[in-house]
Amino acid sequence: MPVINAHITGTVWKIEVKLGDVIEPGTVVAILESMKMEMPVESEEGGTVTVIHVSEGQAVNEDAPLVTVG
């Protein structure tokens, strides 16, 4: 199952998907805040959101898993 990872270190500002959502490549799954800038994280794969690994307000490191798509 593809995992969508954080591309920067920051804080999860907003989660844009819910469990069970069907997404397509390019769908924004989360928005990270880093150095007062908001950075969208897009899916490279399509599928159904099966796991959300983070919560809003949580600090994450680069490459941390955010969402799993099945």
C-alpha atoms as a PDB file:
ATOM      1  CA  MET A   1       0.000   0.000   0.000  1.00  0.00           C
ATOM      2  CA  PRO A   2       1.397   3.407  -0.914  1.00  0.00           C
ATOM      3  CA  VAL A   3       2.236   5.715   1.977  1.00  0.00           C
ATOM      4  CA  ILE A   4       2.217   9.486   1.525  1.00  0.00           C
ATOM      5  CA  ASN A   5       5.057  11.019   3.521  1.00  0.00           C
ATOM      6  CA  ALA A   6       5.839  14.534   4.704  1.00  0.00           C
ATOM      7  CA  HIS A   7       8.210  16.286   2.308  1.00  0.00           C
ATOM      8  CA  ILE A   8       9.381  18.755   4.974  1.00  0.00           C
ATOM      9  CA  THR A   9       9.732  18.971   8.743  1.00  0.00           C
ATOM     10  CA  GLY A  10       6.866  20.940  10.229  1.00  0.00           C
ATOM     11  CA  THR A  11       3.479  20.827  11.928  1.00  0.00           C
ATOM     12  CA  VAL A  12       0.338  19.240  10.500  1.00  0.00           C
ATOM     13  CA  TRP A  13      -1.821  22.319  10.010  1.00  0.00           C
ATOM     14  CA  LYS A  14      -4.810  20.582   8.409  1.00  0.00           C
ATOM     15  CA  ILE A  15      -5.765  17.084   7.274  1.00  0.00           C
ATOM     16  CA  GLU A  16      -7.747  17.332   4.038  1.00  0.00           C
ATOM     17  CA  VAL A  17      -8.983  13.709   3.787  1.00  0.00           C
ATOM     18  CA  LYS A  18     -10.985  11.242   5.880  1.00  0.00           C
ATOM     19  CA  LEU A  19     -10.785   7.478   6.206  1.00  0.00           C
ATOM     20  CA  GLY A  20     -12.537   5.883   3.258  1.00  0.00           C
ATOM     21  CA  ASP A  21     -12.132   8.878   0.932  1.00  0.00           C
ATOM     22  CA  VAL A  22     -11.333   7.932  -2.660  1.00  0.00           C
ATOM     23  CA  ILE A  23      -8.537  10.156  -3.937  1.00  0.00           C
ATOM     24  CA  GLU A  24      -6.731  10.628  -7.226  1.00  0.00           C
ATOM     25  CA  PRO A  25      -3.133  11.574  -8.003  1.00  0.00           C
ATOM     26  CA  GLY A  26      -2.657  15.246  -7.149  1.00  0.00           C
ATOM     27  CA  THR A  27      -5.221  15.288  -4.340  1.00  0.00           C
ATOM     28  CA  VAL A  28      -4.043  17.389  -1.375  1.00  0.00           C
ATOM     29  CA  VAL A  29      -4.122  15.068   1.647  1.00  0.00           C
ATOM     30  CA  ALA A  30      -2.642  17.409   4.263  1.00  0.00           C
ATOM     31  CA  ILE A  31      -1.200  20.870   4.717  1.00  0.00           C
ATOM     32  CA  LEU A  32       2.023  21.245   6.672  1.00  0.00           C
ATOM     33  CA  GLU A  33       3.195  24.459   8.280  1.00  0.00           C
ATOM     34  CA  SER A  34       6.908  25.156   8.334  1.00  0.00           C
ATOM     35  CA  MET A  35       8.594  28.488   8.997  1.00  0.00           C
ATOM     36  CA  LYS A  36       5.163  30.220   8.887  1.00  0.00           C
ATOM     37  CA  MET A  37       4.501  28.880   5.377  1.00  0.00           C
ATOM     38  CA  GLU A  38       1.731  26.441   4.480  1.00  0.00           C
ATOM     39  CA  MET A  39       2.851  23.580   2.229  1.00  0.00           C
ATOM     40  CA  PRO A  40       0.286  21.218   0.656  1.00  0.00           C
ATOM     41  CA  VAL A  41       1.140  17.511   0.480  1.00  0.00           C
ATOM     42  CA  GLU A  42      -0.292  15.840  -2.613  1.00  0.00           C
ATOM     43  CA  SER A  43      -0.868  12.175  -3.305  1.00  0.00           C
ATOM     44  CA  GLU A  44       1.159  10.619  -6.097  1.00  0.00           C
ATOM     45  CA  GLU A  45      -1.187   7.609  -6.161  1.00  0.00           C
ATOM     46  CA  GLY A  46      -4.919   7.147  -6.435  1.00  0.00           C
ATOM     47  CA  GLY A  47      -6.960   4.899  -4.170  1.00  0.00           C
ATOM     48  CA  THR A  48      -8.859   4.815  -0.901  1.00  0.00           C
ATOM     49  CA  VAL A  49      -7.524   6.385   2.298  1.00  0.00           C
ATOM     50  CA  THR A  50      -7.028   3.438   4.679  1.00  0.00           C
ATOM     51  CA  VAL A  51      -4.915   4.965   7.484  1.00  0.00           C
ATOM     52  CA  ILE A  52      -4.299   8.505   8.722  1.00  0.00           C
ATOM     53  CA  HIS A  53      -1.067   8.394  10.716  1.00  0.00           C
ATOM     54  CA  VAL A  54      -1.101  11.946  12.134  1.00  0.00           C
ATOM     55  CA  SER A  55      -3.416  14.453  13.758  1.00  0.00           C
ATOM     56  CA  GLU A  56      -3.766  18.188  13.291  1.00  0.00           C
ATOM     57  CA  GLY A  57      -1.240  20.099  15.389  1.00  0.00           C
ATOM     58  CA  GLN A  58       1.230  17.210  15.452  1.00  0.00           C
ATOM     59  CA  ALA A  59       4.901  17.910  14.701  1.00  0.00           C
ATOM     60  CA  VAL A  60       6.381  15.694  11.981  1.00  0.00           C
ATOM     61  CA  ASN A  61       9.831  15.134  10.542  1.00  0.00           C
ATOM     62  CA  GLU A  62      10.660  14.929   6.863  1.00  0.00           C
ATOM     63  CA  ASP A  63       9.618  11.512   5.436  1.00  0.00           C
ATOM     64  CA  ALA A  64       7.187  10.827   8.321  1.00  0.00           C
ATOM     65  CA  PRO A  65       4.122   8.855   7.160  1.00  0.00           C
ATOM     66  CA  LEU A  66       0.975  10.967   6.881  1.00  0.00           C
ATOM     67  CA  VAL A  67      -1.584   8.860   5.030  1.00  0.00           C
ATOM     68  CA  THR A  68      -1.761   5.333   3.620  1.00  0.00           C
ATOM     69  CA  VAL A  69      -3.707   4.725   0.409  1.00  0.00           C
ATOM     70  CA  GLY A  70      -4.987   1.259  -0.495  1.00  0.00           C
END
